[in-house]
Protein backbone atom coordinates (compact mmCIF):
# COMPACT_ATOMS: atom_id res chain seq x y z
CA UNK A 1 15.90 8.66 13.41
CA UNK A 2 15.73 10.72 16.49
CA UNK A 3 14.13 10.45 19.86
CA UNK A 4 11.93 13.17 20.29
CA UNK A 5 9.08 13.81 22.55
CA UNK A 6 5.24 14.73 21.23
CA UNK A 7 5.95 18.54 21.40
CA UNK A 8 9.27 18.40 20.20
CA UNK A 9 8.33 16.62 17.04
CA UNK A 10 5.62 18.76 16.36
CA UNK A 11 8.27 21.75 16.62
CA UNK A 12 10.53 20.04 14.13
CA UNK A 13 7.82 19.51 11.66
CA UNK A 14 6.54 23.39 11.72
CA UNK A 15 10.02 24.17 11.92
CA UNK A 16 11.00 22.31 8.60
CA UNK A 17 8.08 23.41 6.64
CA UNK A 18 8.86 27.13 7.63
CA UNK A 19 12.42 26.65 6.26
CA UNK A 20 10.92 24.65 2.86
CA UNK A 21 7.84 27.75 2.49
CA UNK A 22 8.11 31.47 3.57
CA UNK A 23 4.15 31.37 3.10
CA UNK A 24 3.69 29.31 6.37
CA UNK A 25 3.46 31.56 9.21
CA UNK A 26 2.40 30.77 12.96
CA UNK A 27 0.07 33.00 14.71
CA UNK A 28 -1.37 32.97 18.60
CA UNK A 29 -0.95 34.03 22.21
CA UNK A 30 2.59 33.58 23.52
CA UNK A 31 4.43 31.52 20.67
CA UNK A 32 7.62 33.79 21.55
CA UNK A 33 8.10 31.94 24.63
CA UNK A 34 7.66 29.00 23.24
CA UNK A 35 3.56 27.96 23.17
CA UNK A 36 2.18 27.09 27.09
CA UNK A 37 3.21 23.17 25.73
CA UNK A 38 6.86 23.83 24.63
CA UNK A 39 5.59 22.87 21.19
CA UNK A 40 6.60 26.49 19.39
CA UNK A 41 10.03 26.60 21.25
CA UNK A 42 12.87 28.35 19.60
CA UNK A 43 10.80 28.95 16.31
CA UNK A 44 10.76 33.19 16.68
CA UNK A 45 14.35 33.00 17.46
CA UNK A 46 14.62 31.10 14.41
CA UNK A 47 12.39 32.50 12.15
CA UNK A 48 11.55 36.15 13.22
CA UNK A 49 8.26 37.85 15.19
CA UNK A 50 7.11 38.53 11.43
CA UNK A 51 6.49 34.77 10.84
CA UNK A 52 6.00 33.52 14.56
CA UNK A 53 3.21 36.30 15.78
CA UNK A 54 2.31 37.04 19.05
CA UNK A 55 -1.20 38.23 19.51
CA UNK A 56 -3.48 39.83 21.78
CA UNK A 57 -5.82 37.61 23.65
CA UNK A 58 -8.83 37.52 20.96
CA UNK A 59 -9.13 33.79 19.44
CA UNK A 60 -11.95 35.65 16.95
CA UNK A 61 -9.51 38.01 15.71
CA UNK A 62 -6.76 35.53 15.69
CA UNK A 63 -8.80 32.71 13.58
CA UNK A 64 -10.34 35.87 11.29
CA UNK A 65 -6.86 37.08 10.57
CA UNK A 66 -5.53 33.87 9.57
CA UNK A 67 -8.52 33.13 7.20
CA UNK A 68 -7.39 36.06 5.35
CA UNK A 69 -4.06 35.21 5.59
CA UNK A 70 -4.79 31.96 3.48
CA UNK A 71 -6.99 33.45 1.20
CA UNK A 72 -4.29 35.72 0.54
CA UNK A 73 -1.89 33.10 -0.40
CA UNK A 74 -0.21 32.39 2.99
CA UNK A 75 -0.41 29.19 4.81
CA UNK A 76 -1.22 30.14 8.64
CA UNK A 77 -0.86 27.76 11.45
CA UNK A 78 -3.23 29.48 14.23
CA UNK A 79 -2.31 28.21 17.80
CA UNK A 80 -5.77 28.20 20.19
CA UNK A 81 -3.55 27.09 23.34
CA UNK A 82 -6.45 24.77 24.48
CA UNK A 83 -9.83 23.58 21.96
CA UNK A 84 -11.90 25.13 25.06
CA UNK A 85 -10.76 28.69 23.75
CA UNK A 86 -11.71 27.98 20.34
CA UNK A 87 -15.04 28.27 20.94
CA UNK A 88 -14.68 32.11 20.75
CA UNK A 89 -13.62 31.48 17.08
CA UNK A 90 -15.93 29.37 15.60
CA UNK A 91 -17.73 31.76 13.18
CA UNK A 92 -14.74 32.48 11.75
CA UNK A 93 -13.59 28.90 11.47
CA UNK A 94 -17.19 27.06 10.53
CA UNK A 95 -18.56 30.02 8.73
CA UNK A 96 -15.69 31.26 6.71
CA UNK A 97 -12.45 28.80 6.47
CA UNK A 98 -14.71 25.46 6.59
CA UNK A 99 -17.16 26.98 3.88
CA UNK A 100 -15.11 29.41 1.26
CA UNK A 101 -14.05 26.54 -1.14
CA UNK A 102 -17.24 25.64 -1.67
CA UNK A 103 -19.40 28.82 -1.65
CA UNK A 104 -17.28 30.30 -3.87
CA UNK A 105 -17.02 27.33 -6.20
CA UNK A 106 -13.23 26.77 -5.52
CA UNK A 107 -11.94 30.24 -6.30
CA UNK A 108 -10.51 30.36 -2.77
CA UNK A 109 -8.65 28.21 -0.43
CA UNK A 110 -8.18 28.27 3.05
CA UNK A 111 -5.04 26.00 3.71
CA UNK A 112 -4.57 26.87 7.46
CA UNK A 113 -3.95 24.34 10.49
CA UNK A 114 -5.43 25.32 13.42
CA UNK A 115 -3.81 23.69 16.61
CA UNK A 116 -6.08 23.08 19.14
CA UNK A 117 -5.03 20.60 22.14
CA UNK A 118 -7.64 18.68 23.43
CA UNK A 119 -8.55 16.06 26.34
CA UNK A 120 -8.33 15.96 30.10
CA UNK A 121 -5.47 18.29 31.63
CA UNK A 122 -4.75 17.52 35.22
CA UNK A 123 -6.20 19.48 37.81
CA UNK A 124 -7.52 22.17 35.28
CA UNK A 125 -11.20 21.18 35.51
CA UNK A 126 -14.32 21.59 33.24
CA UNK A 127 -13.15 24.43 31.25
CA UNK A 128 -9.85 23.30 30.01
CA UNK A 129 -10.38 19.56 30.01
CA UNK A 130 -12.82 19.28 27.19
CA UNK A 131 -12.49 16.96 23.96
CA UNK A 132 -14.47 18.28 21.12
CA UNK A 133 -13.49 16.76 18.20
CA UNK A 134 -16.95 15.48 17.13
CA UNK A 135 -17.87 19.21 16.91
CA UNK A 136 -15.74 19.74 13.96
CA UNK A 137 -15.77 16.42 12.24
CA UNK A 138 -19.54 17.59 12.00
CA UNK A 139 -18.90 19.98 9.78
CA UNK A 140 -18.31 19.87 5.99
CA UNK A 141 -15.05 21.29 4.69
CA UNK A 142 -12.67 20.62 7.87
CA UNK A 143 -10.06 17.88 7.92
CA UNK A 144 -9.88 16.95 11.71
CA UNK A 145 -6.25 15.30 13.17
CA UNK A 146 -5.79 13.58 16.54
CA UNK A 147 -2.04 12.26 16.57
CA UNK A 148 -1.69 9.67 19.59
CA UNK A 149 2.18 9.72 19.29
CA UNK A 150 5.47 12.04 18.66
CA UNK A 151 6.45 10.50 15.63
CA UNK A 152 2.60 10.81 14.28
CA UNK A 153 2.63 14.13 15.53
CA UNK A 154 5.42 14.92 13.27
CA UNK A 155 4.46 12.92 10.49
CA UNK A 156 0.64 13.83 10.57
CA UNK A 157 1.61 18.01 11.12
CA UNK A 158 3.64 18.15 8.27
CA UNK A 159 0.66 16.42 6.18
CA UNK A 160 -1.69 19.08 7.65
CA UNK A 161 0.77 21.61 6.80
CA UNK A 162 0.80 20.54 3.14
CA UNK A 163 -3.03 20.43 2.81
CA UNK A 164 -4.96 23.02 0.75
CA UNK A 165 -7.92 22.63 2.95
CA UNK A 166 -8.76 24.17 6.66
CA UNK A 167 -7.05 21.25 8.82
CA UNK A 168 -8.16 20.83 12.66
CA UNK A 169 -5.54 19.74 14.50
CA UNK A 170 -6.04 17.96 17.72
CA UNK A 171 -3.35 17.11 19.94
CA UNK A 172 -3.27 16.03 23.73
CA UNK A 173 -2.58 18.18 26.26
CA UNK A 174 -1.26 15.14 28.68
CA UNK A 175 0.85 13.87 25.69
CA UNK A 176 3.36 16.66 25.51
CA UNK A 177 6.08 14.63 27.33
CA UNK A 178 5.60 11.19 25.62
CA UNK A 179 8.81 10.01 23.98
CA UNK A 180 9.18 8.15 20.42
CA UNK A 181 11.25 7.77 17.68
CA UNK A 182 11.08 10.07 14.58
CA UNK A 183 12.34 9.91 11.44
CA UNK A 184 13.18 13.23 9.67
CA UNK A 185 11.04 13.89 6.32
CA UNK A 186 8.44 11.51 7.01
CA UNK A 187 5.00 12.70 6.17
CA UNK A 188 2.01 10.23 7.48
CA UNK A 189 -0.89 10.50 4.94
CA UNK A 190 -3.94 11.85 6.43
CA UNK A 191 -7.07 9.32 6.24
CA UNK A 192 -4.91 6.30 7.03
CA UNK A 193 -5.06 4.51 10.06
CA UNK A 194 -2.50 2.48 12.22
CA UNK A 195 -2.55 -0.60 13.01
CA UNK A 196 -0.78 -1.29 16.61
CA UNK A 197 -1.62 -4.84 17.43
CA UNK A 198 -2.97 -8.00 15.38
CA UNK A 199 -6.15 -9.94 16.64
CA UNK A 200 -8.96 -12.04 15.50
CA UNK A 201 -11.15 -11.70 18.35
CA UNK A 202 -12.48 -8.21 19.06
CA UNK A 203 -11.25 -5.19 17.10
CA UNK A 204 -10.57 -2.17 19.53
CA UNK A 205 -10.45 1.78 17.82
CA UNK A 206 -9.38 4.66 19.42
CA UNK A 207 -7.53 7.87 18.94
CA UNK A 208 -5.58 10.64 20.68
CA UNK A 209 -4.26 9.63 24.32
CA UNK A 210 -6.96 6.69 24.58
CA UNK A 211 -4.63 4.97 22.24
CA UNK A 212 -1.90 3.86 24.67
CA UNK A 213 -4.57 2.91 26.82
CA UNK A 214 -6.19 0.25 24.66
CA UNK A 215 -2.39 -1.12 24.01
CA UNK A 216 -1.88 -1.82 27.25
CA UNK A 217 -5.59 -2.99 28.03
CA UNK A 218 -4.71 -5.38 24.83
CA UNK A 219 -1.97 -7.00 26.88
CA UNK A 220 -3.96 -7.86 29.67
CA UNK A 221 -6.91 -9.12 27.04
CA UNK A 222 -4.28 -11.24 25.34
CA UNK A 223 -3.68 -12.76 28.67
CA UNK A 224 -7.12 -13.93 29.33
CA UNK A 225 -7.38 -15.43 25.80
CA UNK A 226 -8.52 -12.67 23.70
CA UNK A 227 -7.10 -11.51 20.87
CA UNK A 228 -7.46 -7.65 20.01
CA UNK A 229 -6.87 -5.80 16.79
CA UNK A 230 -5.94 -2.26 17.75
CA UNK A 231 -6.46 0.82 15.66
CA UNK A 232 -5.39 4.27 16.08
CA UNK A 233 -7.46 5.97 13.71
CA UNK A 234 -5.06 8.95 13.93
CA UNK A 235 -7.30 11.18 11.12
CA UNK A 236 -11.43 11.28 12.30
CA UNK A 237 -12.37 13.05 8.94
CA UNK A 238 -11.58 11.54 6.65
CA UNK A 239 -11.32 8.27 8.61
CA UNK A 240 -9.96 4.93 7.64
CA UNK A 241 -13.28 3.25 6.92
CA UNK A 242 -11.31 0.34 4.66
CA UNK A 243 -8.91 -0.92 7.75
CA UNK A 244 -11.20 -0.45 10.64
CA UNK A 245 -14.26 -2.06 8.39
CA UNK A 246 -12.10 -5.02 7.59
CA UNK A 247 -11.26 -5.61 11.03
CA UNK A 248 -14.73 -5.66 12.39
CA UNK A 249 -15.96 -8.18 9.25
CA UNK A 250 -12.82 -10.46 10.46
CA UNK A 251 -13.25 -10.19 14.48
CA UNK A 252 -17.17 -9.63 14.37
CA UNK A 253 -16.69 -7.21 17.08
CA UNK A 254 -16.36 -3.64 17.79
CA UNK A 255 -15.31 -1.47 20.64
CA UNK A 256 -14.54 2.10 20.35
CA UNK A 257 -12.76 3.81 22.76
CA UNK A 258 -12.65 7.96 23.09
CA UNK A 259 -11.90 10.07 25.99
CA UNK A 260 -14.65 12.35 25.03
CA UNK A 261 -18.23 12.24 26.30
CA UNK A 262 -19.67 9.35 24.96
CA UNK A 263 -22.91 10.47 24.09
CA UNK A 264 -22.84 12.23 20.68
CA UNK A 265 -19.44 10.93 20.35
CA UNK A 266 -17.44 10.64 16.91
CA UNK A 267 -17.59 6.65 18.39
CA UNK A 268 -21.06 6.45 17.06
CA UNK A 269 -20.08 7.36 13.57
CA UNK A 270 -17.82 4.61 13.49
CA UNK A 271 -20.18 2.18 15.13
CA UNK A 272 -23.06 2.90 13.06
CA UNK A 273 -21.07 2.54 9.89
CA UNK A 274 -19.60 -0.87 11.04
CA UNK A 275 -23.27 -2.12 12.22
CA UNK A 276 -24.37 -1.09 8.55
CA UNK A 277 -21.67 -2.66 6.78
CA UNK A 278 -20.71 -5.44 8.92
CA UNK A 279 -23.55 -6.35 11.42
CA UNK A 280 -20.70 -6.77 14.06
CA UNK A 281 -21.53 -6.62 17.58
CA UNK A 282 -20.73 -3.35 19.11
CA UNK A 283 -19.96 -1.59 22.53
CA UNK A 284 -18.93 1.88 22.55
CA UNK A 285 -16.68 3.30 26.02
CA UNK A 286 -16.16 6.91 26.42
CA UNK A 287 -16.89 9.71 29.33
CA UNK A 288 -20.10 10.03 30.90
CA UNK A 289 -22.07 13.35 30.33
CA UNK A 290 -20.66 15.32 33.32
CA UNK A 291 -18.15 18.23 33.24
CA UNK A 292 -14.78 16.96 34.33
CA UNK A 293 -13.83 17.93 37.79
CA UNK A 294 -11.08 19.87 39.09
CA UNK A 295 -10.81 17.09 42.39
CA UNK A 296 -9.10 14.12 41.47
CA UNK A 297 -12.19 11.47 42.14
CA UNK A 298 -14.11 13.64 40.12
CA UNK A 299 -11.86 14.23 37.41
CA UNK A 300 -11.06 10.13 37.50
CA UNK A 301 -14.87 9.41 36.54
CA UNK A 302 -13.99 11.31 32.88
CA UNK A 303 -10.83 9.05 32.42
CA UNK A 304 -10.48 6.11 30.06
CA UNK A 305 -8.66 3.32 32.16
CA UNK A 306 -7.20 -0.05 31.19
CA UNK A 307 -9.58 -1.75 33.34
CA UNK A 308 -12.47 0.28 31.89
CA UNK A 309 -11.22 -1.10 28.11
CA UNK A 310 -10.68 -4.72 29.46
CA UNK A 311 -14.29 -5.07 31.05
CA UNK A 312 -16.06 -3.29 28.35
CA UNK A 313 -14.14 -5.84 25.57
CA UNK A 314 -15.07 -8.72 27.73
CA UNK A 315 -18.72 -7.78 28.25
CA UNK A 316 -18.53 -7.65 24.69
CA UNK A 317 -16.97 -10.98 24.04
CA UNK A 318 -19.65 -12.83 25.70
CA UNK A 319 -22.38 -14.87 23.95
CA UNK A 320 -25.61 -12.74 23.64
CA UNK A 321 -28.21 -14.01 26.33
């Protein structure tokens, strides 16, 4: 066991995968200097520039090259720097990588991992602060992962690298320095959620940076006599229906919390599934449908807060009028 931050944990998982399999390569902008969040620190020096590849500033080219590499037998890791920039590579990912296995009867596989840091990035404004995970969860053929802690960033990245399908891997832009204990060699299975707190009154489901906010809110709710079952989804597709629906059937109340815009967010899918399966009472909490602002007061309008989660859960627990 070692204490690592979120960035170091990801670099360690990638380094171990590259040591174990010479077909694992990484490509993207500025990887030679470690990436903008230090998530590739030391890897080009260790494995060489032919396996940790610095590319031109062209996301479509990076993604297209990676799809070709994957079809030719390599296992590329694609760095998009931030999810906002990945929009320049949507055709290659959505129309090529996601559909190849289906369209050609399984003759081709595209085992690539696309790293797309999501979420608010302080004072970085509307084109660098988006949470677009719902876009990719909507696309058949893509696996979607959103780790919230250092140990999960290690274990989920290891599993993503071992997957035979294209994985959209969404780390949060403001989690890189968060530390945690990481056990070497651990793989976290895709599609399995993590229960962080047991409670019988309300189920709170979240992912990525909103998870620690929900855990802190659950502590405040407990002081007020409301016991929350807090679930970190970890993988958005496939998502852990068994854990979530089992919890909501037991508590009868579901609060889904995410930093993404609430309108059309992936929380709506969870809410609908829970309503259909269990008939539980439901609330959602997400960002308003506005671009995130540069100024702090405007940016804060898009942030999920402990107070907001507490208020939403408290309202949900009130008897219907």
